[in-house]
Amino acid sequence: MGGLVTWEEFVAECIPEALTQAVSVQLWTGSGAYGDTHADATEISPCVIEDVRRAVTVQTVDAYGQEHLSSTTVYAPLTPEVQPGSLVTVPWRSRPARVIAVARLTAPGLALPEHQELSLE
């Protein structure tokens, strides 16, 4: 792999196909009188899913932040841009999990693909 590669090229070349998945995402569109609102579900692929518990610190208005427990991390292409509050359904679960944190991972000047890391409840 020389030069800049896309997430899709990186996954095709470096990750066995059996380890990639598609996820269903309902993008968070805002909050209304009856709670959060979401767009219709759309599929994002290829994704690499890590089903492991870890503590995630979520930025808040104060300097301390809040710590949440994430049960699943999804590594996905940059589009569509997912925001905290969106809902993601992984293949082995029947109900969606809320996105608690999103990290956009870029590597300017390096031969690493840009992608997003979604921490799910």
PDB file of N, CA and C in Angstrom:
ATOM      1  N   MET A   1       0.848  -1.182   0.000  1.00  0.00           N
ATOM      2  CA  MET A   1       0.000   0.000   0.000  1.00  0.00           C
ATOM      3  C   MET A   1       0.887   1.236   0.000  1.00  0.00           C
ATOM      4  N   GLY A   2       0.940   1.924  -1.079  1.00  0.00           N
ATOM      5  CA  GLY A   2       1.712   3.148  -1.120  1.00  0.00           C
ATOM      6  C   GLY A   2       0.787   4.326  -1.282  1.00  0.00           C
ATOM      7  N   GLY A   3       1.125   5.464  -0.696  1.00  0.00           N
ATOM      8  CA  GLY A   3       0.320   6.663  -0.836  1.00  0.00           C
ATOM      9  C   GLY A   3      -0.957   6.595  -0.017  1.00  0.00           C
ATOM     10  N   LEU A   4      -1.850   7.525  -0.298  1.00  0.00           N
ATOM     11  CA  LEU A   4      -3.115   7.584   0.419  1.00  0.00           C
ATOM     12  C   LEU A   4      -4.075   6.529  -0.094  1.00  0.00           C
ATOM     13  N   VAL A   5      -4.723   5.872   0.823  1.00  0.00           N
ATOM     14  CA  VAL A   5      -5.724   4.877   0.464  1.00  0.00           C
ATOM     15  C   VAL A   5      -7.039   5.244   1.120  1.00  0.00           C
ATOM     16  N   THR A   6      -8.121   4.788   0.539  1.00  0.00           N
ATOM     17  CA  THR A   6      -9.436   5.005   1.140  1.00  0.00           C
ATOM     18  C   THR A   6      -9.677   3.907   2.171  1.00  0.00           C
ATOM     19  N   TRP A   7     -10.662   4.132   3.003  1.00  0.00           N
ATOM     20  CA  TRP A   7     -11.053   3.122   3.989  1.00  0.00           C
ATOM     21  C   TRP A   7     -11.417   1.818   3.281  1.00  0.00           C
ATOM     22  N   GLU A   8     -12.175   1.919   2.211  1.00  0.00           N
ATOM     23  CA  GLU A   8     -12.616   0.733   1.480  1.00  0.00           C
ATOM     24  C   GLU A   8     -11.425  -0.038   0.907  1.00  0.00           C
ATOM     25  N   GLU A   9     -10.435   0.661   0.346  1.00  0.00           N
ATOM     26  CA  GLU A   9      -9.238   0.003  -0.190  1.00  0.00           C
ATOM     27  C   GLU A   9      -8.436  -0.663   0.926  1.00  0.00           C
ATOM     28  N   PHE A  10      -8.302   0.022   2.054  1.00  0.00           N
ATOM     29  CA  PHE A  10      -7.579  -0.523   3.195  1.00  0.00           C
ATOM     30  C   PHE A  10      -8.239  -1.806   3.692  1.00  0.00           C
ATOM     31  N   VAL A  11      -9.546  -1.780   3.854  1.00  0.00           N
ATOM     32  CA  VAL A  11     -10.272  -2.960   4.336  1.00  0.00           C
ATOM     33  C   VAL A  11     -10.131  -4.110   3.350  1.00  0.00           C
ATOM     34  N   ALA A  12     -10.290  -3.822   2.049  1.00  0.00           N
ATOM     35  CA  ALA A  12     -10.184  -4.878   1.033  1.00  0.00           C
ATOM     36  C   ALA A  12      -8.802  -5.524   1.022  1.00  0.00           C
ATOM     37  N   GLU A  13      -7.760  -4.716   1.245  1.00  0.00           N
ATOM     38  CA  GLU A  13      -6.395  -5.222   1.160  1.00  0.00           C
ATOM     39  C   GLU A  13      -5.878  -5.824   2.467  1.00  0.00           C
ATOM     40  N   CYS A  14      -6.321  -5.310   3.603  1.00  0.00           N
ATOM     41  CA  CYS A  14      -5.696  -5.678   4.882  1.00  0.00           C
ATOM     42  C   CYS A  14      -6.578  -6.466   5.854  1.00  0.00           C
ATOM     43  N   ILE A  15      -7.870  -6.488   5.645  1.00  0.00           N
ATOM     44  CA  ILE A  15      -8.760  -7.149   6.603  1.00  0.00           C
ATOM     45  C   ILE A  15      -9.466  -8.301   5.890  1.00  0.00           C
ATOM     46  N   PRO A  16      -9.404  -9.501   6.450  1.00  0.00           N
ATOM     47  CA  PRO A  16     -10.106 -10.625   5.820  1.00  0.00           C
ATOM     48  C   PRO A  16     -11.605 -10.318   5.682  1.00  0.00           C
ATOM     49  N   GLU A  17     -12.155 -10.670   4.543  1.00  0.00           N
ATOM     50  CA  GLU A  17     -13.562 -10.373   4.255  1.00  0.00           C
ATOM     51  C   GLU A  17     -14.492 -10.928   5.327  1.00  0.00           C
ATOM     52  N   ALA A  18     -14.140 -12.053   5.909  1.00  0.00           N
ATOM     53  CA  ALA A  18     -14.982 -12.664   6.941  1.00  0.00           C
ATOM     54  C   ALA A  18     -15.081 -11.788   8.191  1.00  0.00           C
ATOM     55  N   LEU A  19     -14.170 -10.843   8.360  1.00  0.00           N
ATOM     56  CA  LEU A  19     -14.178  -9.984   9.545  1.00  0.00           C
ATOM     57  C   LEU A  19     -14.857  -8.640   9.316  1.00  0.00           C
ATOM     58  N   THR A  20     -15.345  -8.399   8.113  1.00  0.00           N
ATOM     59  CA  THR A  20     -16.029  -7.139   7.835  1.00  0.00           C
ATOM     60  C   THR A  20     -17.533  -7.361   7.866  1.00  0.00           C
ATOM     61  N   GLN A  21     -18.248  -6.319   8.230  1.00  0.00           N
ATOM     62  CA  GLN A  21     -19.701  -6.388   8.366  1.00  0.00           C
ATOM     63  C   GLN A  21     -20.319  -5.107   7.811  1.00  0.00           C
ATOM     64  N   ALA A  22     -21.621  -5.154   7.646  1.00  0.00           N
ATOM     65  CA  ALA A  22     -22.404  -3.953   7.356  1.00  0.00           C
ATOM     66  C   ALA A  22     -23.233  -3.668   8.609  1.00  0.00           C
ATOM     67  N   VAL A  23     -23.429  -2.395   8.914  1.00  0.00           N
ATOM     68  CA  VAL A  23     -24.278  -2.020  10.033  1.00  0.00           C
ATOM     69  C   VAL A  23     -25.399  -1.125   9.522  1.00  0.00           C
ATOM     70  N   SER A  24     -26.477  -1.102  10.260  1.00  0.00           N
ATOM     71  CA  SER A  24     -27.604  -0.232   9.947  1.00  0.00           C
ATOM     72  C   SER A  24     -27.522   0.984  10.863  1.00  0.00           C
ATOM     73  N   VAL A  25     -27.626   2.191  10.288  1.00  0.00           N
ATOM     74  CA  VAL A  25     -27.504   3.421  11.062  1.00  0.00           C
ATOM     75  C   VAL A  25     -28.732   4.298  10.843  1.00  0.00           C
ATOM     76  N   GLN A  26     -29.270   4.795  11.943  1.00  0.00           N
ATOM     77  CA  GLN A  26     -30.319   5.810  11.909  1.00  0.00           C
ATOM     78  C   GLN A  26     -29.672   7.080  12.459  1.00  0.00           C
ATOM     79  N   LEU A  27     -29.365   7.996  11.566  1.00  0.00           N
ATOM     80  CA  LEU A  27     -28.661   9.218  11.956  1.00  0.00           C
ATOM     81  C   LEU A  27     -29.531  10.093  12.851  1.00  0.00           C
ATOM     82  N   TRP A  28     -28.912  10.646  13.903  1.00  0.00           N
ATOM     83  CA  TRP A  28     -29.601  11.555  14.812  1.00  0.00           C
ATOM     84  C   TRP A  28     -29.869  12.850  14.070  1.00  0.00           C
ATOM     85  N   THR A  29     -31.114  13.321  14.107  1.00  0.00           N
ATOM     86  CA  THR A  29     -31.467  14.555  13.407  1.00  0.00           C
ATOM     87  C   THR A  29     -31.823  15.688  14.354  1.00  0.00           C
ATOM     88  N   GLY A  30     -31.953  15.395  15.642  1.00  0.00           N
ATOM     89  CA  GLY A  30     -32.256  16.443  16.612  1.00  0.00           C
ATOM     90  C   GLY A  30     -33.143  15.925  17.722  1.00  0.00           C
ATOM     91  N   SER A  31     -33.589  16.850  18.538  1.00  0.00           N
ATOM     92  CA  SER A  31     -34.485  16.520  19.641  1.00  0.00           C
ATOM     93  C   SER A  31     -35.752  17.326  19.486  1.00  0.00           C
ATOM     94  N   GLY A  32     -36.856  16.700  19.812  1.00  0.00           N
ATOM     95  CA  GLY A  32     -38.145  17.376  19.729  1.00  0.00           C
ATOM     96  C   GLY A  32     -38.892  17.231  21.038  1.00  0.00           C
ATOM     97  N   ALA A  33     -40.144  17.568  21.014  1.00  0.00           N
ATOM     98  CA  ALA A  33     -40.976  17.511  22.211  1.00  0.00           C
ATOM     99  C   ALA A  33     -41.095  16.091  22.757  1.00  0.00           C
ATOM    100  N   TYR A  34     -40.935  15.095  21.903  1.00  0.00           N
ATOM    101  CA  TYR A  34     -41.089  13.704  22.321  1.00  0.00           C
ATOM    102  C   TYR A  34     -39.767  12.954  22.384  1.00  0.00           C
ATOM    103  N   GLY A  35     -38.663  13.681  22.401  1.00  0.00           N
ATOM    104  CA  GLY A  35     -37.350  13.044  22.508  1.00  0.00           C
ATOM    105  C   GLY A  35     -36.547  13.168  21.224  1.00  0.00           C
ATOM    106  N   ASP A  36     -35.521  12.340  21.117  1.00  0.00           N
ATOM    107  CA  ASP A  36     -34.637  12.374  19.951  1.00  0.00           C
ATOM    108  C   ASP A  36     -35.357  11.931  18.692  1.00  0.00           C
ATOM    109  N   THR A  37     -34.955  12.516  17.563  1.00  0.00           N
ATOM    110  CA  THR A  37     -35.495  12.117  16.268  1.00  0.00           C
ATOM    111  C   THR A  37     -34.354  11.585  15.406  1.00  0.00           C
ATOM    112  N   HIS A  38     -34.691  10.628  14.540  1.00  0.00           N
ATOM    113  CA  HIS A  38     -33.681   9.962  13.721  1.00  0.00           C
ATOM    114  C   HIS A  38     -34.174   9.822  12.283  1.00  0.00           C
ATOM    115  N   ALA A  39     -33.233   9.811  11.365  1.00  0.00           N
ATOM    116  CA  ALA A  39     -33.539   9.577   9.946  1.00  0.00           C
ATOM    117  C   ALA A  39     -33.843   8.095   9.737  1.00  0.00           C
ATOM    118  N   ASP A  40     -34.341   7.769   8.557  1.00  0.00           N
ATOM    119  CA  ASP A  40     -34.555   6.366   8.212  1.00  0.00           C
ATOM    120  C   ASP A  40     -33.227   5.624   8.218  1.00  0.00           C
ATOM    121  N   ALA A  41     -33.292   4.334   8.451  1.00  0.00           N
ATOM    122  CA  ALA A  41     -32.082   3.505   8.522  1.00  0.00           C
ATOM    123  C   ALA A  41     -31.385   3.453   7.168  1.00  0.00           C
ATOM    124  N   THR A  42     -30.064   3.476   7.224  1.00  0.00           N
ATOM    125  CA  THR A  42     -29.230   3.318   6.037  1.00  0.00           C
ATOM    126  C   THR A  42     -28.101   2.359   6.393  1.00  0.00           C
ATOM    127  N   GLU A  43     -27.579   1.665   5.407  1.00  0.00           N
ATOM    128  CA  GLU A  43     -26.510   0.697   5.647  1.00  0.00           C
ATOM    129  C   GLU A  43     -25.143   1.336   5.401  1.00  0.00           C
ATOM    130  N   ILE A  44     -24.207   1.050   6.304  1.00  0.00           N
ATOM    131  CA  ILE A  44     -22.825   1.488   6.131  1.00  0.00           C
ATOM    132  C   ILE A  44     -21.956   0.244   6.033  1.00  0.00           C
ATOM    133  N   SER A  45     -21.083   0.238   5.034  1.00  0.00           N
ATOM    134  CA  SER A  45     -20.206  -0.906   4.816  1.00  0.00           C
ATOM    135  C   SER A  45     -18.987  -0.425   4.038  1.00  0.00           C
ATOM    136  N   PRO A  46     -17.853  -1.037   4.190  1.00  0.00           N
ATOM    137  CA  PRO A  46     -17.494  -2.117   5.108  1.00  0.00           C
ATOM    138  C   PRO A  46     -17.136  -1.554   6.487  1.00  0.00           C
ATOM    139  N   CYS A  47     -17.508  -2.310   7.507  1.00  0.00           N
ATOM    140  CA  CYS A  47     -17.197  -1.922   8.881  1.00  0.00           C
ATOM    141  C   CYS A  47     -16.454  -3.055   9.560  1.00  0.00           C
ATOM    142  N   VAL A  48     -15.640  -2.690  10.518  1.00  0.00           N
ATOM    143  CA  VAL A  48     -14.986  -3.655  11.385  1.00  0.00           C
ATOM    144  C   VAL A  48     -15.569  -3.406  12.770  1.00  0.00           C
ATOM    145  N   ILE A  49     -16.086  -4.463  13.388  1.00  0.00           N
ATOM    146  CA  ILE A  49     -16.789  -4.323  14.658  1.00  0.00           C
ATOM    147  C   ILE A  49     -16.007  -5.037  15.747  1.00  0.00           C
ATOM    148  N   GLU A  50     -15.790  -4.318  16.830  1.00  0.00           N
ATOM    149  CA  GLU A  50     -15.081  -4.866  17.978  1.00  0.00           C
ATOM    150  C   GLU A  50     -16.074  -4.918  19.137  1.00  0.00           C
ATOM    151  N   ASP A  51     -16.435  -6.113  19.557  1.00  0.00           N
ATOM    152  CA  ASP A  51     -17.419  -6.300  20.613  1.00  0.00           C
ATOM    153  C   ASP A  51     -16.690  -6.452  21.942  1.00  0.00           C
ATOM    154  N   VAL A  52     -16.305  -5.325  22.520  1.00  0.00           N
ATOM    155  CA  VAL A  52     -15.532  -5.342  23.765  1.00  0.00           C
ATOM    156  C   VAL A  52     -15.956  -4.151  24.626  1.00  0.00           C
ATOM    157  N   ARG A  53     -16.012  -4.358  25.927  1.00  0.00           N
ATOM    158  CA  ARG A  53     -16.399  -3.279  26.844  1.00  0.00           C
ATOM    159  C   ARG A  53     -15.200  -2.399  27.168  1.00  0.00           C
ATOM    160  N   ARG A  54     -15.447  -1.086  27.156  1.00  0.00           N
ATOM    161  CA  ARG A  54     -14.399  -0.146  27.549  1.00  0.00           C
ATOM    162  C   ARG A  54     -15.053   1.143  28.034  1.00  0.00           C
ATOM    163  N   ALA A  55     -14.336   1.845  28.889  1.00  0.00           N
ATOM    164  CA  ALA A  55     -14.815   3.130  29.388  1.00  0.00           C
ATOM    165  C   ALA A  55     -14.528   4.199  28.345  1.00  0.00           C
ATOM    166  N   VAL A  56     -15.507   5.056  28.103  1.00  0.00           N
ATOM    167  CA  VAL A  56     -15.378   6.146  27.141  1.00  0.00           C
ATOM    168  C   VAL A  56     -15.749   7.436  27.863  1.00  0.00           C
ATOM    169  N   THR A  57     -14.879   8.425  27.816  1.00  0.00           N
ATOM    170  CA  THR A  57     -15.182   9.721  28.409  1.00  0.00           C
ATOM    171  C   THR A  57     -15.834  10.596  27.356  1.00  0.00           C
ATOM    172  N   VAL A  58     -17.017  11.089  27.672  1.00  0.00           N
ATOM    173  CA  VAL A  58     -17.787  11.910  26.753  1.00  0.00           C
ATOM    174  C   VAL A  58     -17.675  13.355  27.208  1.00  0.00           C
ATOM    175  N   GLN A  59     -17.304  14.234  26.294  1.00  0.00           N
ATOM    176  CA  GLN A  59     -17.146  15.655  26.615  1.00  0.00           C
ATOM    177  C   GLN A  59     -18.486  16.255  27.003  1.00  0.00           C
ATOM    178  N   THR A  60     -18.470  17.045  28.062  1.00  0.00           N
ATOM    179  CA  THR A  60     -19.673  17.750  28.509  1.00  0.00           C
ATOM    180  C   THR A  60     -19.350  19.236  28.608  1.00  0.00           C
ATOM    181  N   VAL A  61     -20.331  20.023  29.014  1.00  0.00           N
ATOM    182  CA  VAL A  61     -20.119  21.470  29.069  1.00  0.00           C
ATOM    183  C   VAL A  61     -19.118  21.863  30.157  1.00  0.00           C
ATOM    184  N   ASP A  62     -18.977  21.039  31.184  1.00  0.00           N
ATOM    185  CA  ASP A  62     -17.965  21.352  32.198  1.00  0.00           C
ATOM    186  C   ASP A  62     -16.636  20.712  31.800  1.00  0.00           C
ATOM    187  N   ALA A  63     -15.618  20.949  32.552  1.00  0.00           N
ATOM    188  CA  ALA A  63     -14.278  20.470  32.203  1.00  0.00           C
ATOM    189  C   ALA A  63     -14.060  18.992  32.512  1.00  0.00           C
ATOM    190  N   TYR A  64     -14.991  18.380  33.219  1.00  0.00           N
ATOM    191  CA  TYR A  64     -14.767  17.017  33.689  1.00  0.00           C
ATOM    192  C   TYR A  64     -15.205  15.935  32.713  1.00  0.00           C
ATOM    193  N   GLY A  65     -16.297  16.125  32.022  1.00  0.00           N
ATOM    194  CA  GLY A  65     -16.818  15.090  31.140  1.00  0.00           C
ATOM    195  C   GLY A  65     -17.520  14.014  31.941  1.00  0.00           C
ATOM    196  N   GLN A  66     -18.117  13.067  31.242  1.00  0.00           N
ATOM    197  CA  GLN A  66     -18.793  11.944  31.887  1.00  0.00           C
ATOM    198  C   GLN A  66     -18.225  10.664  31.323  1.00  0.00           C
ATOM    199  N   GLU A  67     -18.115   9.665  32.172  1.00  0.00           N
ATOM    200  CA  GLU A  67     -17.609   8.373  31.716  1.00  0.00           C
ATOM    201  C   GLU A  67     -18.787   7.433  31.476  1.00  0.00           C
ATOM    202  N   HIS A  68     -18.795   6.805  30.303  1.00  0.00           N
ATOM    203  CA  HIS A  68     -19.832   5.843  29.928  1.00  0.00           C
ATOM    204  C   HIS A  68     -19.157   4.521  29.593  1.00  0.00           C
ATOM    205  N   LEU A  69     -19.913   3.448  29.673  1.00  0.00           N
ATOM    206  CA  LEU A  69     -19.394   2.142  29.298  1.00  0.00           C
ATOM    207  C   LEU A  69     -19.845   1.828  27.884  1.00  0.00           C
ATOM    208  N   SER A  70     -18.891   1.605  27.002  1.00  0.00           N
ATOM    209  CA  SER A  70     -19.181   1.229  25.620  1.00  0.00           C
ATOM    210  C   SER A  70     -19.056  -0.285  25.502  1.00  0.00           C
ATOM    211  N   SER A  71     -20.037  -0.914  24.874  1.00  0.00           N
ATOM    212  CA  SER A  71     -20.001  -2.368  24.715  1.00  0.00           C
ATOM    213  C   SER A  71     -19.486  -2.785  23.343  1.00  0.00           C
ATOM    214  N   THR A  72     -19.532  -1.871  22.388  1.00  0.00           N
ATOM    215  CA  THR A  72     -19.147  -2.195  21.011  1.00  0.00           C
ATOM    216  C   THR A  72     -18.508  -0.979  20.358  1.00  0.00           C
ATOM    217  N   THR A  73     -17.465  -1.211  19.560  1.00  0.00           N
ATOM    218  CA  THR A  73     -16.847  -0.152  18.763  1.00  0.00           C
ATOM    219  C   THR A  73     -16.952  -0.547  17.295  1.00  0.00           C
ATOM    220  N   VAL A  74     -17.408   0.386  16.480  1.00  0.00           N
ATOM    221  CA  VAL A  74     -17.541   0.163  15.045  1.00  0.00           C
ATOM    222  C   VAL A  74     -16.572   1.099  14.328  1.00  0.00           C
ATOM    223  N   TYR A  75     -15.722   0.544  13.483  1.00  0.00           N
ATOM    224  CA  TYR A  75     -14.816   1.316  12.636  1.00  0.00           C
ATOM    225  C   TYR A  75     -15.451   1.347  11.252  1.00  0.00           C
ATOM    226  N   ALA A  76     -15.709   2.552  10.734  1.00  0.00           N
ATOM    227  CA  ALA A  76     -16.513   2.693   9.519  1.00  0.00           C
ATOM    228  C   ALA A  76     -15.954   3.787   8.620  1.00  0.00           C
ATOM    229  N   PRO A  77     -16.392   3.799   7.350  1.00  0.00           N
ATOM    230  CA  PRO A  77     -15.993   4.891   6.464  1.00  0.00           C
ATOM    231  C   PRO A  77     -16.488   6.237   7.002  1.00  0.00           C
ATOM    232  N   LEU A  78     -15.929   7.324   6.500  1.00  0.00           N
ATOM    233  CA  LEU A  78     -16.290   8.659   6.983  1.00  0.00           C
ATOM    234  C   LEU A  78     -17.699   9.101   6.598  1.00  0.00           C
ATOM    235  N   THR A  79     -18.264   8.513   5.568  1.00  0.00           N
ATOM    236  CA  THR A  79     -19.606   8.915   5.155  1.00  0.00           C
ATOM    237  C   THR A  79     -20.565   7.748   5.284  1.00  0.00           C
ATOM    238  N   PRO A  80     -21.764   7.979   5.769  1.00  0.00           N
ATOM    239  CA  PRO A  80     -22.259   9.259   6.244  1.00  0.00           C
ATOM    240  C   PRO A  80     -21.634   9.613   7.584  1.00  0.00           C
ATOM    241  N   GLU A  81     -21.570  10.903   7.867  1.00  0.00           N
ATOM    242  CA  GLU A  81     -20.997  11.372   9.111  1.00  0.00           C
ATOM    243  C   GLU A  81     -21.984  11.091  10.253  1.00  0.00           C
ATOM    244  N   VAL A  82     -21.583  10.244  11.168  1.00  0.00           N
ATOM    245  CA  VAL A  82     -22.443   9.835  12.283  1.00  0.00           C
ATOM    246  C   VAL A  82     -22.176  10.744  13.468  1.00  0.00           C
ATOM    247  N   GLN A  83     -23.234  11.128  14.169  1.00  0.00           N
ATOM    248  CA  GLN A  83     -23.110  11.973  15.357  1.00  0.00           C
ATOM    249  C   GLN A  83     -23.555  11.202  16.588  1.00  0.00           C
ATOM    250  N   PRO A  84     -23.044  11.585  17.766  1.00  0.00           N
ATOM    251  CA  PRO A  84     -23.558  10.973  18.988  1.00  0.00           C
ATOM    252  C   PRO A  84     -25.077  11.122  19.047  1.00  0.00           C
ATOM    253  N   GLY A  85     -25.734  10.105  19.543  1.00  0.00           N
ATOM    254  CA  GLY A  85     -27.192  10.101  19.581  1.00  0.00           C
ATOM    255  C   GLY A  85     -27.799   9.293  18.448  1.00  0.00           C
ATOM    256  N   SER A  86     -27.010   9.021  17.401  1.00  0.00           N
ATOM    257  CA  SER A  86     -27.483   8.172  16.311  1.00  0.00           C
ATOM    258  C   SER A  86     -27.670   6.757  16.839  1.00  0.00           C
ATOM    259  N   LEU A  87     -28.421   5.947  16.108  1.00  0.00           N
ATOM    260  CA  LEU A  87     -28.664   4.562  16.496  1.00  0.00           C
ATOM    261  C   LEU A  87     -28.000   3.630  15.494  1.00  0.00           C
ATOM    262  N   VAL A  88     -27.293   2.618  15.996  1.00  0.00           N
ATOM    263  CA  VAL A  88     -26.588   1.664  15.136  1.00  0.00           C
ATOM    264  C   VAL A  88     -27.023   0.250  15.522  1.00  0.00           C
ATOM    265  N   THR A  89     -27.360  -0.540  14.512  1.00  0.00           N
ATOM    266  CA  THR A  89     -27.688  -1.945  14.733  1.00  0.00           C
ATOM    267  C   THR A  89     -26.604  -2.795  14.094  1.00  0.00           C
ATOM    268  N   VAL A  90     -25.929  -3.605  14.911  1.00  0.00           N
ATOM    269  CA  VAL A  90     -24.917  -4.529  14.409  1.00  0.00           C
ATOM    270  C   VAL A  90     -25.611  -5.839  14.060  1.00  0.00           C
ATOM    271  N   PRO A  91     -25.014  -6.663  13.184  1.00  0.00           N
ATOM    272  CA  PRO A  91     -25.697  -7.849  12.656  1.00  0.00           C
ATOM    273  C   PRO A  91     -26.213  -8.835  13.703  1.00  0.00           C
ATOM    274  N   TRP A  92     -25.556  -8.988  14.827  1.00  0.00           N
ATOM    275  CA  TRP A  92     -25.966 -10.017  15.777  1.00  0.00           C
ATOM    276  C   TRP A  92     -26.903  -9.501  16.869  1.00  0.00           C
ATOM    277  N   ARG A  93     -27.321  -8.243  16.777  1.00  0.00           N
ATOM    278  CA  ARG A  93     -28.273  -7.703  17.752  1.00  0.00           C
ATOM    279  C   ARG A  93     -29.549  -7.290  17.040  1.00  0.00           C
ATOM    280  N   SER A  94     -30.671  -7.473  17.708  1.00  0.00           N
ATOM    281  CA  SER A  94     -31.952  -7.161  17.076  1.00  0.00           C
ATOM    282  C   SER A  94     -32.385  -5.717  17.322  1.00  0.00           C
ATOM    283  N   ARG A  95     -31.824  -5.071  18.332  1.00  0.00           N
ATOM    284  CA  ARG A  95     -32.210  -3.683  18.577  1.00  0.00           C
ATOM    285  C   ARG A  95     -30.990  -2.769  18.498  1.00  0.00           C
ATOM    286  N   PRO A  96     -31.243  -1.523  18.117  1.00  0.00           N
ATOM    287  CA  PRO A  96     -30.121  -0.596  17.936  1.00  0.00           C
ATOM    288  C   PRO A  96     -29.513  -0.136  19.254  1.00  0.00           C
ATOM    289  N   ALA A  97     -28.240   0.243  19.179  1.00  0.00           N
ATOM    290  CA  ALA A  97     -27.533   0.830  20.313  1.00  0.00           C
ATOM    291  C   ALA A  97     -27.258   2.288  19.992  1.00  0.00           C
ATOM    292  N   ARG A  98     -27.281   3.125  21.008  1.00  0.00           N
ATOM    293  CA  ARG A  98     -27.032   4.557  20.835  1.00  0.00           C
ATOM    294  C   ARG A  98     -25.534   4.817  20.737  1.00  0.00           C
ATOM    295  N   VAL A  99     -25.159   5.704  19.830  1.00  0.00           N
ATOM    296  CA  VAL A  99     -23.766   6.122  19.691  1.00  0.00           C
ATOM    297  C   VAL A  99     -23.483   7.120  20.816  1.00  0.00           C
ATOM    298  N   ILE A 100     -22.484   6.816  21.663  1.00  0.00           N
ATOM    299  CA  ILE A 100     -22.164   7.725  22.762  1.00  0.00           C
ATOM    300  C   ILE A 100     -20.984   8.637  22.443  1.00  0.00           C
ATOM    301  N   ALA A 101     -20.137   8.221  21.521  1.00  0.00           N
ATOM    302  CA  ALA A 101     -18.990   9.054  21.129  1.00  0.00           C
ATOM    303  C   ALA A 101     -18.553   8.690  19.720  1.00  0.00           C
ATOM    304  N   VAL A 102     -18.050   9.692  18.994  1.00  0.00           N
ATOM    305  CA  VAL A 102     -17.546   9.495  17.637  1.00  0.00           C
ATOM    306  C   VAL A 102     -16.162  10.125  17.551  1.00  0.00           C
ATOM    307  N   ALA A 103     -15.232   9.398  16.970  1.00  0.00           N
ATOM    308  CA  ALA A 103     -13.896   9.932  16.713  1.00  0.00           C
ATOM    309  C   ALA A 103     -13.641   9.850  15.216  1.00  0.00           C
ATOM    310  N   ARG A 104     -13.307  10.989  14.622  1.00  0.00           N
ATOM    311  CA  ARG A 104     -12.891  11.012  13.208  1.00  0.00           C
ATOM    312  C   ARG A 104     -11.394  10.824  13.206  1.00  0.00           C
ATOM    313  N   LEU A 105     -10.930   9.757  12.601  1.00  0.00           N
ATOM    314  CA  LEU A 105      -9.509   9.435  12.609  1.00  0.00           C
ATOM    315  C   LEU A 105      -8.910   9.758  11.252  1.00  0.00           C
ATOM    316  N   THR A 106      -8.027  10.737  11.242  1.00  0.00           N
ATOM    317  CA  THR A 106      -7.339  11.130  10.019  1.00  0.00           C
ATOM    318  C   THR A 106      -5.846  10.997  10.262  1.00  0.00           C
ATOM    319  N   ALA A 107      -5.126  10.784   9.221  1.00  0.00           N
ATOM    320  CA  ALA A 107      -3.676  10.624   9.329  1.00  0.00           C
ATOM    321  C   ALA A 107      -3.016  11.422   8.217  1.00  0.00           C
ATOM    322  N   PRO A 108      -3.007  12.747   8.334  1.00  0.00           N
ATOM    323  CA  PRO A 108      -2.413  13.565   7.273  1.00  0.00           C
ATOM    324  C   PRO A 108      -0.958  13.185   7.007  1.00  0.00           C
ATOM    325  N   GLY A 109      -0.650  12.952   5.746  1.00  0.00           N
ATOM    326  CA  GLY A 109       0.711  12.627   5.359  1.00  0.00           C
ATOM    327  C   GLY A 109       1.100  11.179   5.550  1.00  0.00           C
ATOM    328  N   LEU A 110       0.251  10.378   6.148  1.00  0.00           N
ATOM    329  CA  LEU A 110       0.551   8.962   6.352  1.00  0.00           C
ATOM    330  C   LEU A 110      -0.309   8.108   5.432  1.00  0.00           C
ATOM    331  N   ALA A 111       0.126   6.905   5.166  1.00  0.00           N
ATOM    332  CA  ALA A 111      -0.616   6.001   4.286  1.00  0.00           C
ATOM    333  C   ALA A 111      -1.652   5.209   5.071  1.00  0.00           C
ATOM    334  N   LEU A 112      -2.390   5.903   5.930  1.00  0.00           N
ATOM    335  CA  LEU A 112      -3.452   5.275   6.703  1.00  0.00           C
ATOM    336  C   LEU A 112      -4.783   5.856   6.256  1.00  0.00           C
ATOM    337  N   PRO A 113      -5.829   5.051   6.238  1.00  0.00           N
ATOM    338  CA  PRO A 113      -7.118   5.558   5.757  1.00  0.00           C
ATOM    339  C   PRO A 113      -7.836   6.397   6.807  1.00  0.00           C
ATOM    340  N   GLU A 114      -8.534   7.408   6.350  1.00  0.00           N
ATOM    341  CA  GLU A 114      -9.397   8.182   7.221  1.00  0.00           C
ATOM    342  C   GLU A 114     -10.659   7.367   7.456  1.00  0.00           C
ATOM    343  N   HIS A 115     -11.133   7.362   8.695  1.00  0.00           N
ATOM    344  CA  HIS A 115     -12.350   6.636   9.023  1.00  0.00           C
ATOM    345  C   HIS A 115     -12.928   7.191  10.319  1.00  0.00           C
ATOM    346  N   GLN A 116     -14.070   6.667  10.725  1.00  0.00           N
ATOM    347  CA  GLN A 116     -14.664   7.101  11.981  1.00  0.00           C
ATOM    348  C   GLN A 116     -14.814   5.913  12.918  1.00  0.00           C
ATOM    349  N   GLU A 117     -14.655   6.203  14.193  1.00  0.00           N
ATOM    350  CA  GLU A 117     -14.784   5.188  15.247  1.00  0.00           C
ATOM    351  C   GLU A 117     -16.025   5.526  16.052  1.00  0.00           C
ATOM    352  N   LEU A 118     -16.989   4.602  16.077  1.00  0.00           N
ATOM    353  CA  LEU A 118     -18.258   4.819  16.760  1.00  0.00           C
ATOM    354  C   LEU A 118     -18.279   3.978  18.033  1.00  0.00           C
ATOM    355  N   SER A 119     -18.414   4.621  19.190  1.00  0.00           N
ATOM    356  CA  SER A 119     -18.528   3.904  20.455  1.00  0.00           C
ATOM    357  C   SER A 119     -20.004   3.770  20.786  1.00  0.00           C
ATOM    358  N   LEU A 120     -20.479   2.538  20.911  1.00  0.00           N
ATOM    359  CA  LEU A 120     -21.897   2.278  21.159  1.00  0.00           C
ATOM    360  C   LEU A 120     -22.132   1.890  22.611  1.00  0.00           C
ATOM    361  N   GLU A 121     -23.330   2.214  23.100  1.00  0.00           N
ATOM    362  CA  GLU A 121     -23.702   1.805  24.458  1.00  0.00           C
ATOM    363  C   GLU A 121     -23.702   0.292  24.567  1.00  0.00           C
TER     364      GLU A 121
END
